[in-house]
C-alpha atoms as a PDB file:
ATOM      1  CA  ALA A   1      -0.150  -0.137   0.142  1.00  0.00           C
ATOM      2  CA  GLY A   2       2.031   2.876   1.227  1.00  0.00           C
ATOM      3  CA  ASP A   3      -0.529   5.280  -0.407  1.00  0.00           C
ATOM      4  CA  PRO A   4      -2.200   7.667   2.188  1.00  0.00           C
ATOM      5  CA  LEU A   5      -5.477   7.587   0.451  1.00  0.00           C
ATOM      6  CA  TYR A   6      -5.473   3.872   0.267  1.00  0.00           C
ATOM      7  CA  ASP A   7      -4.825   3.652   4.125  1.00  0.00           C
ATOM      8  CA  GLU A   8      -7.366   6.034   4.775  1.00  0.00           C
ATOM      9  CA  LEU A   9     -10.034   4.331   2.872  1.00  0.00           C
ATOM     10  CA  TRP A  10      -8.581   1.101   4.418  1.00  0.00           C
ATOM     11  CA  HIS A  11      -9.369   2.602   7.580  1.00  0.00           C
ATOM     12  CA  ALA A  12     -12.890   3.756   6.935  1.00  0.00           C
ATOM     13  CA  CYS A  13     -13.849   0.522   5.587  1.00  0.00           C
ATOM     14  CA  ALA A  14     -12.451  -1.223   9.007  1.00  0.00           C
ATOM     15  CA  GLY A  15     -14.502   1.167  11.054  1.00  0.00           C
ATOM     16  CA  PRO A  16     -13.558   3.647  13.926  1.00  0.00           C
ATOM     17  CA  LEU A  17     -12.913   0.843  16.671  1.00  0.00           C
ATOM     18  CA  VAL A  18     -10.224  -0.595  14.734  1.00  0.00           C
ATOM     19  CA  THR A  19      -6.318  -0.033  15.502  1.00  0.00           C
ATOM     20  CA  VAL A  20      -3.578  -1.537  14.078  1.00  0.00           C
ATOM     21  CA  PRO A  21      -0.152  -1.564  15.813  1.00  0.00           C
ATOM     22  CA  ARG A  22       2.569   0.238  14.093  1.00  0.00           C
ATOM     23  CA  VAL A  23       6.352  -1.153  12.933  1.00  0.00           C
ATOM     24  CA  GLY A  24       8.253  -0.980  16.088  1.00  0.00           C
ATOM     25  CA  ASP A  25       5.917  -1.434  18.734  1.00  0.00           C
ATOM     26  CA  LEU A  26       5.621  -4.460  21.261  1.00  0.00           C
ATOM     27  CA  VAL A  27       2.786  -6.344  21.254  1.00  0.00           C
ATOM     28  CA  PHE A  28       1.642  -9.692  22.814  1.00  0.00           C
ATOM     29  CA  TYR A  29       1.119 -12.698  20.352  1.00  0.00           C
ATOM     30  CA  PHE A  30      -1.514 -15.259  21.575  1.00  0.00           C
ATOM     31  CA  PRO A  31      -0.568 -18.727  19.794  1.00  0.00           C
ATOM     32  CA  GLN A  32      -3.791 -19.835  21.477  1.00  0.00           C
ATOM     33  CA  GLY A  33      -5.959 -17.359  19.337  1.00  0.00           C
ATOM     34  CA  HIS A  34      -4.074 -17.862  16.101  1.00  0.00           C
ATOM     35  CA  ILE A  35      -4.521 -21.706  16.364  1.00  0.00           C
ATOM     36  CA  GLU A  36      -8.562 -21.108  17.015  1.00  0.00           C
ATOM     37  CA  GLN A  37      -8.513 -18.847  13.797  1.00  0.00           C
ATOM     38  CA  VAL A  38      -7.002 -21.615  11.677  1.00  0.00           C
ATOM     39  CA  GLU A  39      -9.157 -24.125  13.064  1.00  0.00           C
ATOM     40  CA  ALA A  40     -12.182 -22.000  12.224  1.00  0.00           C
ATOM     41  CA  SER A  41     -10.944 -21.332   9.011  1.00  0.00           C
ATOM     42  CA  MET A  42     -10.333 -25.019   8.177  1.00  0.00           C
ATOM     43  CA  ASN A  43     -13.296 -26.679   9.869  1.00  0.00           C
ATOM     44  CA  GLN A  44     -10.890 -28.502  11.888  1.00  0.00           C
ATOM     45  CA  VAL A  45      -9.993 -29.098  15.662  1.00  0.00           C
ATOM     46  CA  ALA A  46      -6.231 -28.551  16.752  1.00  0.00           C
ATOM     47  CA  GLY A  47      -6.783 -30.447  19.791  1.00  0.00           C
ATOM     48  CA  ASN A  48      -3.568 -30.183  22.143  1.00  0.00           C
ATOM     49  CA  GLN A  49      -1.364 -28.494  19.767  1.00  0.00           C
ATOM     50  CA  MET A  50      -0.415 -26.006  22.395  1.00  0.00           C
ATOM     51  CA  ARG A  51       1.077 -28.877  24.432  1.00  0.00           C
ATOM     52  CA  LEU A  52       2.514 -30.595  21.449  1.00  0.00           C
ATOM     53  CA  TYR A  53       4.740 -27.296  20.508  1.00  0.00           C
ATOM     54  CA  ASP A  54       5.198 -26.717  24.157  1.00  0.00           C
ATOM     55  CA  LEU A  55       4.191 -22.954  23.542  1.00  0.00           C
ATOM     56  CA  PRO A  56       3.739 -20.398  26.196  1.00  0.00           C
ATOM     57  CA  SER A  57       0.438 -18.571  26.436  1.00  0.00           C
ATOM     58  CA  LYS A  58       1.824 -15.478  25.097  1.00  0.00           C
ATOM     59  CA  LEU A  59       5.061 -14.298  23.605  1.00  0.00           C
ATOM     60  CA  LEU A  60       6.063 -10.528  23.557  1.00  0.00           C
ATOM     61  CA  CYS A  61       7.077  -9.425  20.189  1.00  0.00           C
ATOM     62  CA  ARG A  62       8.041  -6.483  17.972  1.00  0.00           C
ATOM     63  CA  VAL A  63       5.755  -5.584  14.977  1.00  0.00           C
ATOM     64  CA  ILE A  64       8.420  -5.564  12.242  1.00  0.00           C
ATOM     65  CA  ASN A  65       5.996  -4.972   9.160  1.00  0.00           C
ATOM     66  CA  VAL A  66       2.254  -4.034   8.719  1.00  0.00           C
ATOM     67  CA  GLU A  67       0.455  -4.444   5.418  1.00  0.00           C
ATOM     68  CA  LEU A  68      -3.249  -3.138   5.182  1.00  0.00           C
ATOM     69  CA  LYS A  69      -5.177  -5.506   2.511  1.00  0.00           C
ATOM     70  CA  ALA A  70      -8.487  -6.436   1.255  1.00  0.00           C
ATOM     71  CA  GLU A  71     -10.158 -10.271   0.301  1.00  0.00           C
ATOM     72  CA  ALA A  72     -10.229  -9.929  -3.407  1.00  0.00           C
ATOM     73  CA  ASP A  73     -13.601 -11.930  -3.460  1.00  0.00           C
ATOM     74  CA  THR A  74     -15.240 -10.166  -0.384  1.00  0.00           C
ATOM     75  CA  ASP A  75     -13.701  -6.729  -0.014  1.00  0.00           C
ATOM     76  CA  GLU A  76     -13.219  -7.853   3.558  1.00  0.00           C
ATOM     77  CA  VAL A  77      -9.893  -5.686   5.158  1.00  0.00           C
ATOM     78  CA  TYR A  78      -7.871  -7.043   7.351  1.00  0.00           C
ATOM     79  CA  ALA A  79      -3.990  -6.384   8.254  1.00  0.00           C
ATOM     80  CA  GLN A  80      -1.204  -8.691   7.877  1.00  0.00           C
ATOM     81  CA  VAL A  81       1.453  -8.188  10.789  1.00  0.00           C
ATOM     82  CA  MET A  82       4.766  -9.525  11.065  1.00  0.00           C
ATOM     83  CA  LEU A  83       6.293 -10.197  14.276  1.00  0.00           C
ATOM     84  CA  MET A  84       9.450 -11.017  15.518  1.00  0.00           C
ATOM     85  CA  PRO A  85       9.661 -12.565  19.333  1.00  0.00           C
ATOM     86  CA  GLU A  86      11.719 -10.332  21.746  1.00  0.00           C
ATOM     87  CA  PRO A  87      14.400 -12.004  24.008  1.00  0.00           C
ATOM     88  CA  GLU A  88      13.071 -12.600  27.499  1.00  0.00           C
ATOM     89  CA  VAL A  89      12.915 -10.050  29.500  1.00  0.00           C
ATOM     90  CA  SER A  90      12.786  -9.491  33.194  1.00  0.00           C
ATOM     91  CA  SER A  91      11.129  -6.292  33.170  1.00  0.00           C
ATOM     92  CA  THR A  92       7.149  -5.763  33.675  1.00  0.00           C
ATOM     93  CA  VAL A  93       5.612  -4.804  30.532  1.00  0.00           C
ATOM     94  CA  ASN A  94       1.991  -3.054  30.765  1.00  0.00           C
ATOM     95  CA  SER A  95      -1.039  -4.874  29.991  1.00  0.00           C
ATOM     96  CA  ALA A  96      -2.805  -5.080  26.352  1.00  0.00           C
ATOM     97  CA  GLU A  97      -4.598  -2.215  25.272  1.00  0.00           C
ATOM     98  CA  PHE A  98      -6.260  -4.405  22.729  1.00  0.00           C
ATOM     99  CA  THR A  99      -6.563  -7.524  20.977  1.00  0.00           C
ATOM    100  CA  LEU A 100      -6.608  -8.045  17.433  1.00  0.00           C
ATOM    101  CA  GLY A 101      -6.610 -11.694  16.159  1.00  0.00           C
ATOM    102  CA  GLY A 102      -3.853 -13.798  17.646  1.00  0.00           C
ATOM    103  CA  PHE A 103      -2.109 -10.568  19.168  1.00  0.00           C
ATOM    104  CA  SER A 104      -2.517  -7.554  21.061  1.00  0.00           C
ATOM    105  CA  SER A 105      -0.959  -4.401  21.655  1.00  0.00           C
ATOM    106  CA  SER A 106       1.513  -3.249  24.607  1.00  0.00           C
ATOM    107  CA  SER A 107       2.928  -0.233  25.653  1.00  0.00           C
ATOM    108  CA  ALA A 108       6.507  -0.363  26.380  1.00  0.00           C
END
């Protein structure tokens, strides 16, 4: 995208309550939420995949890319967000401000 008009149109279609994290933001990624979305889209049940992969309930990540997109068939808008796990930190991170799909924003 990169076009300010496209970004404005995308946000108008998404609605006033939608907030998308920016590149550089810290967010919590929730693997369980992602697994549930994949299950729903494939009409399958993943069962104990969290245990199978030994995943924590949440991972602190940095947003490294955000692309605002729309489904060609339905015009439904969505954000594709690329995350990079942060090294484990001992400092406390404030709780999430919003949840979007399998991740949630956090102020650092």
